[in-house]
Amino acid sequence: MNYLVIPDKYKGSLTSKEVSDAIEVGLINAKVNRHQISKIPASDGGDGFLSFVSHFKELSIRNLSSVDAIRKPISSYYLTEFSTNTAYLELANTVGLSHLKTPNFSQASTYGLGLQMIDALTLGYKKFFIGLGGSASNDMGLGMLEAMGVQFYDSNDKILHIRTAVLNDIHHYIIPDALLQMLEGVRFFAVNDVSNPLVGPNGAAFVYGAQKGASQRDIEQLDASVQSLIHRLNFPFTINAQEMGTGAAGGTAYGLKAYLNATFISGFDFLCELSQLHKLLEKRSFDYIISGEGSFDPTSLQGKMVGGLRLLAKQYNIPLLIVCGQSSIVADLDISENFQILPLLNPTTSLESCMNNTSQLIQERVFNYFT
């Protein structure tokens, strides 16, 4: 029997590589030969994006100093491919929520990502793939643009340093000619794993604001501020704030498209193309696809990797196992799809225990299933 192991991360606990390693140990303990296991430590744009890309491409590492979401110094890097003049960047690598001890909703921004982007532009790279996800801010990517050289002003012509709290103060902006010249002929691709729009009840603030430390009042005020902002500013490129995916990474996807004319790429489609997943499934006869993530909920089926794998497993008629920390949608699934969920959390296991012993619990869950 052959097994394809392709999990997402367990946010706040394990990387996708660590999850795939734990699943592999569980299989080996169940007497599965190592050569029967194919592993893809995946990412669909969020945390681990650079690790995923480097798994399939030989790339150079560009180390540089940047800042985290609240502008504290941080060592960071991005990846480059000289032959194609391409740079690969991961938002979560600098301004991700995982870098903060405590979420700081009002003060957070994407400035650190912009420092990486202007560095790559200065070096002459012409194609950018930017993995979005795991962000700590809801600044629409304007902090990123500030770091690249865009200047934002209030109604008194006072320059603003972007953070979520000042979005309502923005009156106008200037894009310097030097930056416009650098952007000539450059293409940007926003790789994201969500289908949420920028604003409204399913938008960036209402869906993701709470996990970034926002209160309900903060969320309502931010959504109103963003809606006001997009109506009073004329952006270089026209984009509908209700377009699917514009709410990715606190609206950074919107900023990338409105200012830099970025093309949106589904994180799962990017994963499939880079890993040549369809060819792998056609070439090798797999008996199981094993995936997973920390929390399996309705959003998992809305453009995210696990949802994409569900459809792919159905297409190739391969049983799919989801090894997850917890699940809230078991009752909604059609068991005729050869789809099964293996949650770690159960009435005898606490959430704290799951978080502290995730790898061991994954190994045990997989072992018990296959013995």
Protein backbone atom coordinates (compact mmCIF):
# COMPACT_ATOMS: atom_id res chain seq x y z
CA MET A 1 0.00 0.00 0.00
CA ASN A 2 1.13 3.55 -0.74
CA TYR A 3 0.45 6.65 1.36
CA LEU A 4 0.58 10.32 0.37
CA VAL A 5 1.14 12.47 3.46
CA ILE A 6 0.32 16.13 2.77
CA PRO A 7 -0.79 18.03 5.89
CA ASP A 8 -1.09 21.71 6.66
CA LYS A 9 0.37 23.23 9.83
CA TYR A 10 -1.20 22.98 13.29
CA LYS A 11 -1.25 26.70 14.06
CA GLY A 12 0.51 27.48 17.33
CA SER A 13 1.78 23.93 17.70
CA LEU A 14 3.52 22.21 14.75
CA THR A 15 4.73 23.16 11.28
CA SER A 16 3.49 21.18 8.30
CA LYS A 17 6.85 19.37 8.17
CA GLU A 18 6.57 18.39 11.82
CA VAL A 19 3.02 17.15 11.25
CA SER A 20 4.07 15.08 8.22
CA ASP A 21 6.99 13.62 10.21
CA ALA A 22 4.62 12.63 13.04
CA ILE A 23 2.22 10.97 10.61
CA GLU A 24 5.15 9.11 9.06
CA VAL A 25 6.26 7.81 12.49
CA GLY A 26 2.72 6.59 13.18
CA LEU A 27 2.66 4.73 9.87
CA ILE A 28 6.08 3.17 10.41
CA ASN A 29 5.05 2.06 13.91
CA ALA A 30 2.07 0.40 12.22
CA LYS A 31 4.52 -1.65 10.11
CA VAL A 32 4.32 0.47 6.97
CA ASN A 33 7.58 0.49 5.00
CA ARG A 34 9.18 3.92 4.68
CA HIS A 35 9.43 3.65 0.88
CA GLN A 36 5.64 3.37 0.70
CA ILE A 37 5.26 6.87 2.17
CA SER A 38 5.47 10.05 0.06
CA LYS A 39 5.59 13.29 2.07
CA ILE A 40 4.78 16.83 0.97
CA PRO A 41 5.14 19.34 3.84
CA ALA A 42 2.65 21.75 2.33
CA SER A 43 1.54 25.34 2.60
CA ASP A 44 -1.18 27.11 0.67
CA GLY A 45 0.21 30.59 1.23
CA GLY A 46 0.36 30.97 5.01
CA ASP A 47 2.98 29.92 7.55
CA GLY A 48 5.57 27.61 6.00
CA PHE A 49 5.18 28.99 2.47
CA LEU A 50 8.92 29.47 1.95
CA SER A 51 9.75 26.03 3.34
CA PHE A 52 7.23 24.50 0.95
CA VAL A 53 8.62 26.34 -2.07
CA SER A 54 12.22 25.41 -1.21
CA HIS A 55 11.16 21.75 -0.97
CA PHE A 56 10.60 21.74 -4.74
CA LYS A 57 12.96 24.43 -6.03
CA GLU A 58 16.65 25.14 -5.59
CA LEU A 59 16.58 28.74 -4.44
CA SER A 60 18.95 31.24 -2.89
CA ILE A 61 18.31 32.72 0.54
CA ARG A 62 18.38 36.49 0.91
CA ASN A 63 18.89 37.34 4.60
CA LEU A 64 18.07 40.83 5.80
CA SER A 65 16.95 42.77 8.84
CA SER A 66 13.28 43.68 8.94
CA VAL A 67 10.62 44.37 11.57
CA ASP A 68 7.70 42.42 12.97
CA ALA A 69 4.08 43.55 12.94
CA ILE A 70 4.68 46.16 15.67
CA ARG A 71 7.94 47.31 14.06
CA LYS A 72 10.36 45.65 16.43
CA PRO A 73 13.59 44.50 14.73
CA ILE A 74 13.59 40.95 13.45
CA SER A 75 15.93 38.81 11.35
CA SER A 76 14.18 37.70 8.21
CA TYR A 77 14.74 36.26 4.77
CA TYR A 78 13.11 35.63 1.44
CA LEU A 79 14.01 33.32 -1.45
CA THR A 80 15.20 34.15 -4.94
CA GLU A 81 15.61 32.37 -8.26
CA PHE A 82 18.15 34.18 -10.40
CA SER A 83 17.37 32.29 -13.62
CA THR A 84 13.75 33.48 -13.65
CA ASN A 85 14.33 36.82 -11.87
CA THR A 86 11.81 35.72 -9.25
CA ALA A 87 11.46 36.47 -5.54
CA TYR A 88 9.37 34.40 -3.12
CA LEU A 89 8.17 36.11 0.06
CA GLU A 90 6.08 34.96 3.01
CA LEU A 91 4.09 37.54 4.96
CA ALA A 92 4.02 35.38 8.08
CA ASN A 93 7.82 35.21 8.04
CA THR A 94 8.04 38.82 9.21
CA VAL A 95 4.69 40.32 10.20
CA GLY A 96 2.90 37.13 11.16
CA LEU A 97 0.89 36.69 14.33
CA SER A 98 3.26 33.91 15.42
CA HIS A 99 6.05 36.47 16.04
CA LEU A 100 4.06 38.36 18.68
CA LYS A 101 3.76 37.25 22.28
CA THR A 102 0.46 39.12 22.49
CA PRO A 103 -1.72 40.26 19.55
CA ASN A 104 -1.66 44.04 19.12
CA PHE A 105 -4.50 44.73 16.74
CA SER A 106 -4.47 48.53 16.67
CA GLN A 107 -0.68 48.96 16.33
CA ALA A 108 0.09 46.15 13.88
CA SER A 109 1.03 46.65 10.24
CA THR A 110 2.62 44.92 7.24
CA TYR A 111 5.60 47.30 7.15
CA GLY A 112 8.13 44.49 7.59
CA LEU A 113 6.91 42.71 4.47
CA GLY A 114 7.36 45.93 2.52
CA LEU A 115 10.99 46.15 3.62
CA GLN A 116 11.59 42.78 1.99
CA MET A 117 9.76 43.81 -1.16
CA ILE A 118 11.67 47.05 -1.66
CA ASP A 119 14.91 45.15 -1.08
CA ALA A 120 14.01 42.68 -3.84
CA LEU A 121 12.89 45.49 -6.16
CA THR A 122 16.19 47.30 -5.60
CA LEU A 123 18.03 44.12 -6.56
CA GLY A 124 16.08 44.04 -9.81
CA TYR A 125 13.68 41.12 -9.36
CA LYS A 126 10.73 41.29 -11.74
CA LYS A 127 8.38 38.56 -10.55
CA PHE A 128 7.09 38.27 -6.98
CA PHE A 129 5.16 35.41 -5.40
CA ILE A 130 3.89 36.52 -2.00
CA GLY A 131 2.42 33.96 0.38
CA LEU A 132 -0.40 35.50 2.38
CA GLY A 133 -1.77 34.18 5.64
CA GLY A 134 -1.10 34.21 9.36
CA SER A 135 -1.04 38.01 9.50
CA ALA A 136 -1.15 40.01 12.73
CA SER A 137 -2.67 43.14 11.19
CA ASN A 138 -5.67 44.41 9.28
CA ASP A 139 -3.98 47.34 7.52
CA MET A 140 -4.95 46.40 3.93
CA GLY A 141 -1.26 46.05 3.11
CA LEU A 142 -0.77 49.82 3.40
CA GLY A 143 2.10 49.38 5.86
CA MET A 144 3.81 47.25 3.21
CA LEU A 145 3.31 50.04 0.68
CA GLU A 146 4.66 52.64 3.12
CA ALA A 147 7.87 50.63 3.48
CA MET A 148 8.13 50.51 -0.32
CA GLY A 149 7.96 54.31 -0.47
CA VAL A 150 4.27 55.23 -0.76
CA GLN A 151 3.52 58.25 1.44
CA PHE A 152 0.19 58.50 3.27
CA TYR A 153 -1.12 61.81 4.66
CA ASP A 154 -3.95 63.01 6.88
CA SER A 155 -6.21 65.97 6.05
CA ASN A 156 -3.60 68.39 7.45
CA ASP A 157 -0.89 67.07 5.12
CA LYS A 158 0.83 65.37 8.04
CA ILE A 159 2.54 62.15 7.04
CA LEU A 160 1.14 59.01 8.66
CA HIS A 161 2.98 55.88 9.74
CA ILE A 162 0.60 53.10 8.90
CA ARG A 163 -0.95 50.85 11.48
CA THR A 164 -4.49 49.60 11.79
CA ALA A 165 -5.45 52.43 14.15
CA VAL A 166 -4.78 55.21 11.62
CA LEU A 167 -6.70 53.91 8.60
CA ASN A 168 -9.55 56.30 9.30
CA ASP A 169 -7.12 59.26 9.26
CA ILE A 170 -5.79 58.67 5.73
CA HIS A 171 -6.80 61.51 3.42
CA HIS A 172 -4.50 61.07 0.41
CA TYR A 173 -1.29 59.39 -0.71
CA ILE A 174 1.63 59.95 -3.06
CA ILE A 175 3.53 57.30 -4.99
CA PRO A 176 7.03 58.69 -5.71
CA ASP A 177 8.22 58.65 -9.32
CA ALA A 178 11.28 56.64 -8.29
CA LEU A 179 9.04 53.83 -7.02
CA LEU A 180 6.87 53.94 -10.14
CA GLN A 181 10.00 53.49 -12.25
CA MET A 182 11.10 50.52 -10.15
CA LEU A 183 7.67 48.92 -10.59
CA GLU A 184 7.76 49.06 -14.40
CA GLY A 185 7.60 45.56 -15.84
CA VAL A 186 7.24 43.92 -12.42
CA ARG A 187 4.53 41.32 -11.87
CA PHE A 188 3.09 40.43 -8.48
CA PHE A 189 1.23 37.25 -7.55
CA ALA A 190 -0.69 37.04 -4.27
CA VAL A 191 -0.88 33.43 -3.11
CA ASN A 192 -3.70 33.16 -0.61
CA ASP A 193 -5.75 30.45 1.04
CA VAL A 194 -9.03 32.22 1.79
CA SER A 195 -12.01 33.35 -0.25
CA ASN A 196 -13.18 36.13 2.08
CA PRO A 197 -13.86 39.61 0.70
CA LEU A 198 -12.27 42.72 2.19
CA VAL A 199 -15.34 44.08 3.98
CA GLY A 200 -18.73 43.03 5.29
CA PRO A 201 -19.85 40.20 7.60
CA ASN A 202 -17.56 37.71 5.84
CA GLY A 203 -14.71 40.19 5.45
CA ALA A 204 -11.25 40.45 6.95
CA ALA A 205 -12.24 42.30 10.12
CA PHE A 206 -15.31 40.28 11.09
CA VAL A 207 -13.84 36.84 10.32
CA TYR A 208 -10.24 37.25 11.48
CA GLY A 209 -10.17 40.35 13.70
CA ALA A 210 -10.84 38.53 16.98
CA GLN A 211 -7.82 36.23 16.64
CA LYS A 212 -5.67 39.34 16.17
CA GLY A 213 -6.81 40.82 19.48
CA ALA A 214 -9.73 42.97 18.31
CA SER A 215 -12.87 43.44 20.37
CA GLN A 216 -16.29 43.37 18.75
CA ARG A 217 -16.34 47.16 18.85
CA ASP A 218 -12.87 47.28 17.24
CA ILE A 219 -14.08 44.98 14.48
CA GLU A 220 -17.16 47.04 13.69
CA GLN A 221 -15.18 50.29 13.69
CA LEU A 222 -12.44 48.83 11.49
CA ASP A 223 -14.87 47.50 8.91
CA ALA A 224 -16.55 50.91 8.75
CA SER A 225 -13.15 52.65 8.47
CA VAL A 226 -12.04 50.40 5.63
CA GLN A 227 -15.30 50.88 3.74
CA SER A 228 -14.94 54.65 4.12
CA LEU A 229 -11.29 54.57 3.05
CA ILE A 230 -11.86 52.65 -0.17
CA HIS A 231 -14.61 55.07 -1.17
CA ARG A 232 -12.63 58.27 -0.57
CA LEU A 233 -9.32 57.22 -2.15
CA ASN A 234 -8.68 56.66 -5.84
CA PHE A 235 -6.44 53.62 -6.18
CA PRO A 236 -4.18 53.04 -9.20
CA PHE A 237 -6.12 49.90 -10.13
CA THR A 238 -9.85 49.31 -9.77
CA ILE A 239 -10.90 46.40 -7.57
CA ASN A 240 -14.17 45.40 -5.93
CA ALA A 241 -13.87 45.06 -2.16
CA GLN A 242 -16.37 42.19 -2.36
CA GLU A 243 -14.13 40.19 -4.69
CA MET A 244 -13.26 36.79 -3.27
CA GLY A 245 -9.82 36.72 -1.69
CA THR A 246 -9.41 40.47 -1.18
CA GLY A 247 -9.68 39.97 2.59
CA ALA A 248 -6.68 37.63 2.76
CA ALA A 249 -4.03 38.55 5.35
CA GLY A 250 -5.98 41.44 6.83
CA GLY A 251 -6.73 42.89 3.41
CA THR A 252 -3.12 42.76 2.21
CA ALA A 253 -4.41 40.98 -0.88
CA TYR A 254 -6.58 44.03 -1.59
CA GLY A 255 -3.63 46.40 -1.23
CA LEU A 256 -1.48 44.28 -3.52
CA LYS A 257 -4.12 44.34 -6.24
CA ALA A 258 -5.31 47.94 -5.83
CA TYR A 259 -1.79 49.44 -5.83
CA LEU A 260 0.40 46.86 -7.60
CA ASN A 261 -2.12 45.14 -9.90
CA ALA A 262 -1.30 41.77 -8.35
CA THR A 263 -2.82 38.59 -9.72
CA PHE A 264 -4.56 36.37 -7.18
CA ILE A 265 -3.53 32.71 -7.12
CA SER A 266 -5.33 30.10 -5.07
CA GLY A 267 -2.93 28.70 -2.52
CA PHE A 268 -4.08 25.19 -3.32
CA ASP A 269 -3.66 25.70 -7.08
CA PHE A 270 -0.13 27.01 -6.45
CA LEU A 271 0.58 23.95 -4.32
CA CYS A 272 -0.70 21.58 -7.01
CA GLU A 273 1.35 23.23 -9.75
CA LEU A 274 4.61 23.46 -7.83
CA SER A 275 4.41 19.91 -6.46
CA GLN A 276 2.92 18.53 -9.71
CA LEU A 277 0.36 16.84 -7.50
CA HIS A 278 -1.93 15.72 -10.32
CA LYS A 279 0.95 13.99 -12.11
CA LEU A 280 1.99 12.34 -8.85
CA LEU A 281 -1.52 10.97 -8.29
CA GLU A 282 -1.73 9.72 -11.88
CA LYS A 283 1.74 8.18 -11.86
CA ARG A 284 1.62 6.43 -8.50
CA SER A 285 -1.26 4.41 -7.14
CA PHE A 286 -1.98 5.73 -3.65
CA ASP A 287 -4.20 3.83 -1.27
CA TYR A 288 -4.57 6.74 1.15
CA ILE A 289 -4.11 10.49 1.21
CA ILE A 290 -3.44 11.68 4.76
CA SER A 291 -3.79 15.36 5.51
CA GLY A 292 -4.73 17.50 8.47
CA GLU A 293 -4.65 20.83 10.26
CA GLY A 294 -5.10 22.12 13.77
CA SER A 295 -8.78 23.02 13.57
CA PHE A 296 -11.01 21.46 10.93
CA ASP A 297 -14.03 23.73 10.56
CA PRO A 298 -16.24 25.17 7.80
CA THR A 299 -13.48 27.56 6.65
CA SER A 300 -11.32 24.51 5.88
CA LEU A 301 -13.55 23.81 2.90
CA GLN A 302 -13.52 27.40 1.58
CA GLY A 303 -10.47 27.61 -0.64
CA LYS A 304 -8.08 26.08 1.87
CA MET A 305 -5.77 23.16 1.21
CA VAL A 306 -7.73 20.48 3.04
CA GLY A 307 -10.87 21.43 1.13
CA GLY A 308 -8.97 21.16 -2.14
CA LEU A 309 -7.60 17.77 -1.19
CA ARG A 310 -11.11 16.58 -0.40
CA LEU A 311 -12.16 17.28 -4.00
CA LEU A 312 -8.96 15.79 -5.40
CA ALA A 313 -9.34 12.60 -3.38
CA LYS A 314 -12.89 12.27 -4.66
CA GLN A 315 -11.72 12.81 -8.25
CA TYR A 316 -9.08 10.07 -8.00
CA ASN A 317 -11.23 7.83 -5.78
CA ILE A 318 -8.65 7.68 -3.00
CA PRO A 319 -9.67 7.52 0.68
CA LEU A 320 -8.79 10.73 2.52
CA LEU A 321 -7.92 10.87 6.21
CA ILE A 322 -7.89 14.18 8.05
CA VAL A 323 -5.81 14.04 11.23
CA CYS A 324 -6.77 17.22 13.04
CA GLY A 325 -6.53 18.73 16.48
CA GLN A 326 -10.28 19.23 16.66
CA SER A 327 -13.22 19.16 14.26
CA SER A 328 -16.53 20.99 14.27
CA ILE A 329 -18.03 19.68 11.03
CA VAL A 330 -18.08 15.89 11.32
CA ALA A 331 -21.85 15.74 11.02
CA ASP A 332 -21.86 17.78 7.81
CA LEU A 333 -19.73 15.39 5.79
CA ASP A 334 -20.93 12.78 3.36
CA ILE A 335 -19.25 9.53 4.39
CA SER A 336 -19.79 8.13 0.90
CA GLU A 337 -16.83 10.25 -0.22
CA ASN A 338 -14.28 7.90 1.40
CA PHE A 339 -13.52 10.77 3.75
CA GLN A 340 -12.72 10.26 7.42
CA ILE A 341 -11.73 12.60 10.24
CA LEU A 342 -9.35 11.55 13.01
CA PRO A 343 -9.48 14.27 15.70
CA LEU A 344 -6.95 14.33 18.52
CA LEU A 345 -9.29 16.11 20.92
CA ASN A 346 -11.82 13.84 22.60
CA PRO A 347 -13.77 13.75 25.91
CA THR A 348 -10.76 12.25 27.72
CA THR A 349 -8.13 14.62 26.25
CA SER A 350 -7.95 18.31 27.14
CA LEU A 351 -7.08 21.04 24.66
CA GLU A 352 -3.99 21.91 26.72
CA SER A 353 -2.82 18.30 26.56
CA CYS A 354 -3.35 18.24 22.80
CA MET A 355 -1.34 21.44 22.34
CA ASN A 356 1.52 20.17 24.51
CA ASN A 357 1.69 16.66 23.07
CA THR A 358 0.54 17.14 19.50
CA SER A 359 3.25 15.14 17.76
CA GLN A 360 2.87 12.14 20.07
CA LEU A 361 -0.93 12.20 19.76
CA ILE A 362 -0.72 12.31 15.96
CA GLN A 363 1.60 9.31 15.99
CA GLU A 364 -0.75 7.38 18.26
CA ARG A 365 -3.87 8.32 16.29
CA VAL A 366 -2.35 7.18 12.99
CA PHE A 367 -0.92 4.02 14.55
CA ASN A 368 -4.28 3.06 16.07
CA TYR A 369 -6.11 3.63 12.80
CA PHE A 370 -3.83 1.37 10.77
CA THR A 371 -3.53 -1.49 13.28
